[in-house]
Amino acid sequence: MSRIFAVCLIAFFALTAAASANTNPYDGTWKSNDGVFAAKIKNEKITIKIKMDGVSALYWAGSFKGRGNTVVSKADLSQLNDAIFGSEKKYKRFTYKYDRLWFNFTIMGVTRPVALTRR
């Protein structure tokens, strides 16, 4: 009986460890404090929308693979090509520090850092 319990316990911990290893620690919803940017990270993909005056527009869609403090996202051009406010970059760097996810936002030649907080 105790041998069966031990085997079940080992199997449980092995499955739990495997499941947590496949979970991206960044998965979830992120927003800027001013409410202009909203991001969703799920299944190793990220989408960022710009929200202003009750209107939402796609800014970024791409990969989000990695578990370190810096993730380089490759653009999903099939989604961004028709997006009015879609980034023209092929790659975007995201950095996690101070409990925030940071990226650079560029429009009309002006770049500013954006901080997103998990919601």
C-alpha atoms as a PDB file:
ATOM      1  CA  MET A   1       0.000   0.000   0.000  1.00  0.00           C
ATOM      2  CA  SER A   2       2.738   2.487   0.937  1.00  0.00           C
ATOM      3  CA  ARG A   3       4.613   1.605  -2.253  1.00  0.00           C
ATOM      4  CA  ILE A   4       1.548   2.516  -4.380  1.00  0.00           C
ATOM      5  CA  PHE A   5       1.181   5.776  -2.451  1.00  0.00           C
ATOM      6  CA  ALA A   6       4.842   6.609  -3.048  1.00  0.00           C
ATOM      7  CA  VAL A   7       4.536   5.934  -6.783  1.00  0.00           C
ATOM      8  CA  CYS A   8       1.386   8.098  -7.005  1.00  0.00           C
ATOM      9  CA  LEU A   9       3.110  10.890  -5.089  1.00  0.00           C
ATOM     10  CA  ILE A  10       6.145  10.808  -7.403  1.00  0.00           C
ATOM     11  CA  ALA A  11       3.887  10.803 -10.475  1.00  0.00           C
ATOM     12  CA  PHE A  12       1.935  13.777  -9.116  1.00  0.00           C
ATOM     13  CA  PHE A  13       5.084  15.847  -8.542  1.00  0.00           C
ATOM     14  CA  ALA A  14       6.501  14.902 -11.935  1.00  0.00           C
ATOM     15  CA  LEU A  15       3.301  15.991 -13.702  1.00  0.00           C
ATOM     16  CA  THR A  16       3.099  19.214 -11.684  1.00  0.00           C
ATOM     17  CA  ALA A  17       6.712  20.088 -12.513  1.00  0.00           C
ATOM     18  CA  ALA A  18       6.165  19.379 -16.224  1.00  0.00           C
ATOM     19  CA  ALA A  19       3.029  21.526 -16.319  1.00  0.00           C
ATOM     20  CA  SER A  20       4.707  24.470 -14.595  1.00  0.00           C
ATOM     21  CA  ALA A  21       7.739  24.191 -16.895  1.00  0.00           C
ATOM     22  CA  ASN A  22       5.442  24.722 -19.901  1.00  0.00           C
ATOM     23  CA  THR A  23       3.666  27.732 -18.398  1.00  0.00           C
ATOM     24  CA  ASN A  24       4.966  31.120 -19.476  1.00  0.00           C
ATOM     25  CA  PRO A  25       5.407  33.270 -16.342  1.00  0.00           C
ATOM     26  CA  TYR A  26       4.280  36.311 -18.325  1.00  0.00           C
ATOM     27  CA  ASP A  27       0.901  34.863 -19.355  1.00  0.00           C
ATOM     28  CA  GLY A  28      -1.984  37.165 -18.513  1.00  0.00           C
ATOM     29  CA  THR A  29      -3.290  40.670 -19.059  1.00  0.00           C
ATOM     30  CA  TRP A  30      -1.051  43.722 -18.785  1.00  0.00           C
ATOM     31  CA  LYS A  31      -1.994  47.413 -18.922  1.00  0.00           C
ATOM     32  CA  SER A  32      -0.263  50.771 -18.820  1.00  0.00           C
ATOM     33  CA  ASN A  33      -1.164  53.017 -15.891  1.00  0.00           C
ATOM     34  CA  ASP A  34      -2.691  55.596 -18.233  1.00  0.00           C
ATOM     35  CA  GLY A  35      -4.901  52.903 -19.805  1.00  0.00           C
ATOM     36  CA  VAL A  36      -3.672  53.590 -23.337  1.00  0.00           C
ATOM     37  CA  PHE A  37      -1.927  50.236 -23.835  1.00  0.00           C
ATOM     38  CA  ALA A  38      -3.384  46.809 -23.073  1.00  0.00           C
ATOM     39  CA  ALA A  39      -1.519  43.557 -23.729  1.00  0.00           C
ATOM     40  CA  LYS A  40      -2.440  39.909 -23.574  1.00  0.00           C
ATOM     41  CA  ILE A  41       0.143  37.163 -23.406  1.00  0.00           C
ATOM     42  CA  LYS A  42      -0.985  33.597 -23.930  1.00  0.00           C
ATOM     43  CA  ASN A  43       0.347  30.473 -25.650  1.00  0.00           C
ATOM     44  CA  GLU A  44       3.702  32.164 -26.349  1.00  0.00           C
ATOM     45  CA  LYS A  45       1.999  35.013 -28.258  1.00  0.00           C
ATOM     46  CA  ILE A  46       1.493  38.669 -27.383  1.00  0.00           C
ATOM     47  CA  THR A  47      -0.966  41.242 -28.677  1.00  0.00           C
ATOM     48  CA  ILE A  48      -0.878  44.901 -27.701  1.00  0.00           C
ATOM     49  CA  LYS A  49      -3.751  47.245 -28.401  1.00  0.00           C
ATOM     50  CA  ILE A  50      -3.898  51.015 -28.156  1.00  0.00           C
ATOM     51  CA  LYS A  51      -7.090  52.238 -26.504  1.00  0.00           C
ATOM     52  CA  MET A  52      -8.227  55.855 -26.827  1.00  0.00           C
ATOM     53  CA  ASP A  53     -11.639  57.497 -26.747  1.00  0.00           C
ATOM     54  CA  GLY A  54     -13.423  54.144 -26.555  1.00  0.00           C
ATOM     55  CA  VAL A  55     -11.656  52.832 -29.677  1.00  0.00           C
ATOM     56  CA  SER A  56      -9.196  49.949 -29.664  1.00  0.00           C
ATOM     57  CA  ALA A  57      -6.580  49.381 -32.386  1.00  0.00           C
ATOM     58  CA  LEU A  58      -3.909  46.710 -32.802  1.00  0.00           C
ATOM     59  CA  TYR A  59      -0.356  47.959 -32.249  1.00  0.00           C
ATOM     60  CA  TRP A  60       1.640  44.716 -31.929  1.00  0.00           C
ATOM     61  CA  ALA A  61       1.099  41.001 -32.489  1.00  0.00           C
ATOM     62  CA  GLY A  62       3.938  38.533 -32.256  1.00  0.00           C
ATOM     63  CA  SER A  63       5.672  35.664 -30.566  1.00  0.00           C
ATOM     64  CA  PHE A  64       6.485  35.743 -26.859  1.00  0.00           C
ATOM     65  CA  LYS A  65       8.802  32.858 -26.134  1.00  0.00           C
ATOM     66  CA  GLY A  66      11.159  32.984 -23.225  1.00  0.00           C
ATOM     67  CA  ARG A  67      11.309  33.098 -19.497  1.00  0.00           C
ATOM     68  CA  GLY A  68      14.185  35.479 -18.867  1.00  0.00           C
ATOM     69  CA  ASN A  69      14.063  39.196 -18.109  1.00  0.00           C
ATOM     70  CA  THR A  70      14.329  40.034 -21.814  1.00  0.00           C
ATOM     71  CA  VAL A  71      12.162  38.573 -24.575  1.00  0.00           C
ATOM     72  CA  VAL A  72      12.528  39.431 -28.249  1.00  0.00           C
ATOM     73  CA  SER A  73       9.190  39.115 -30.003  1.00  0.00           C
ATOM     74  CA  LYS A  74       8.963  38.374 -33.724  1.00  0.00           C
ATOM     75  CA  ALA A  75       6.125  40.264 -35.423  1.00  0.00           C
ATOM     76  CA  ASP A  76       3.124  38.413 -36.824  1.00  0.00           C
ATOM     77  CA  LEU A  77       3.027  40.345 -40.085  1.00  0.00           C
ATOM     78  CA  SER A  78      -0.189  38.673 -41.207  1.00  0.00           C
ATOM     79  CA  GLN A  79      -1.973  40.557 -38.406  1.00  0.00           C
ATOM     80  CA  LEU A  80       0.045  43.783 -38.493  1.00  0.00           C
ATOM     81  CA  ASN A  81      -0.029  44.449 -42.249  1.00  0.00           C
ATOM     82  CA  ASP A  82      -3.626  45.690 -42.147  1.00  0.00           C
ATOM     83  CA  ALA A  83      -3.462  47.345 -38.715  1.00  0.00           C
ATOM     84  CA  ILE A  84      -3.769  51.135 -38.963  1.00  0.00           C
ATOM     85  CA  PHE A  85      -1.601  51.712 -35.872  1.00  0.00           C
ATOM     86  CA  GLY A  86       0.387  48.499 -36.297  1.00  0.00           C
ATOM     87  CA  SER A  87       4.102  48.645 -35.684  1.00  0.00           C
ATOM     88  CA  GLU A  88       6.284  48.366 -38.758  1.00  0.00           C
ATOM     89  CA  LYS A  89       9.086  46.673 -36.797  1.00  0.00           C
ATOM     90  CA  LYS A  90       9.903  43.023 -37.430  1.00  0.00           C
ATOM     91  CA  TYR A  91      11.102  42.508 -33.848  1.00  0.00           C
ATOM     92  CA  LYS A  92      10.283  44.140 -30.534  1.00  0.00           C
ATOM     93  CA  ARG A  93      12.260  43.781 -27.312  1.00  0.00           C
ATOM     94  CA  PHE A  94      10.402  43.420 -24.010  1.00  0.00           C
ATOM     95  CA  THR A  95      12.173  43.760 -20.672  1.00  0.00           C
ATOM     96  CA  TYR A  96      10.792  42.753 -17.293  1.00  0.00           C
ATOM     97  CA  LYS A  97      12.018  44.864 -14.371  1.00  0.00           C
ATOM     98  CA  TYR A  98      10.510  46.515 -11.315  1.00  0.00           C
ATOM     99  CA  ASP A  99       7.424  44.264 -11.667  1.00  0.00           C
ATOM    100  CA  ARG A 100       6.663  45.838 -15.038  1.00  0.00           C
ATOM    101  CA  LEU A 101       6.977  44.756 -18.648  1.00  0.00           C
ATOM    102  CA  TRP A 102       8.707  47.490 -20.667  1.00  0.00           C
ATOM    103  CA  PHE A 103       8.873  48.123 -24.424  1.00  0.00           C
ATOM    104  CA  ASN A 104       9.615  51.078 -26.684  1.00  0.00           C
ATOM    105  CA  PHE A 105       6.700  52.651 -28.531  1.00  0.00           C
ATOM    106  CA  THR A 106       7.544  54.608 -31.673  1.00  0.00           C
ATOM    107  CA  ILE A 107       5.182  56.739 -33.701  1.00  0.00           C
ATOM    108  CA  MET A 108       6.032  59.443 -36.237  1.00  0.00           C
ATOM    109  CA  GLY A 109       9.735  59.174 -35.381  1.00  0.00           C
ATOM    110  CA  VAL A 110       9.247  59.706 -31.640  1.00  0.00           C
ATOM    111  CA  THR A 111      10.084  56.847 -29.268  1.00  0.00           C
ATOM    112  CA  ARG A 112       9.013  56.563 -25.642  1.00  0.00           C
ATOM    113  CA  PRO A 113       9.243  53.714 -23.133  1.00  0.00           C
ATOM    114  CA  VAL A 114       5.981  52.101 -22.060  1.00  0.00           C
ATOM    115  CA  ALA A 115       5.564  50.204 -18.803  1.00  0.00           C
ATOM    116  CA  LEU A 116       2.837  47.569 -18.474  1.00  0.00           C
ATOM    117  CA  THR A 117       1.623  46.208 -15.140  1.00  0.00           C
ATOM    118  CA  ARG A 118      -0.008  42.804 -14.712  1.00  0.00           C
ATOM    119  CA  ARG A 119      -3.762  43.099 -14.044  1.00  0.00           C
END
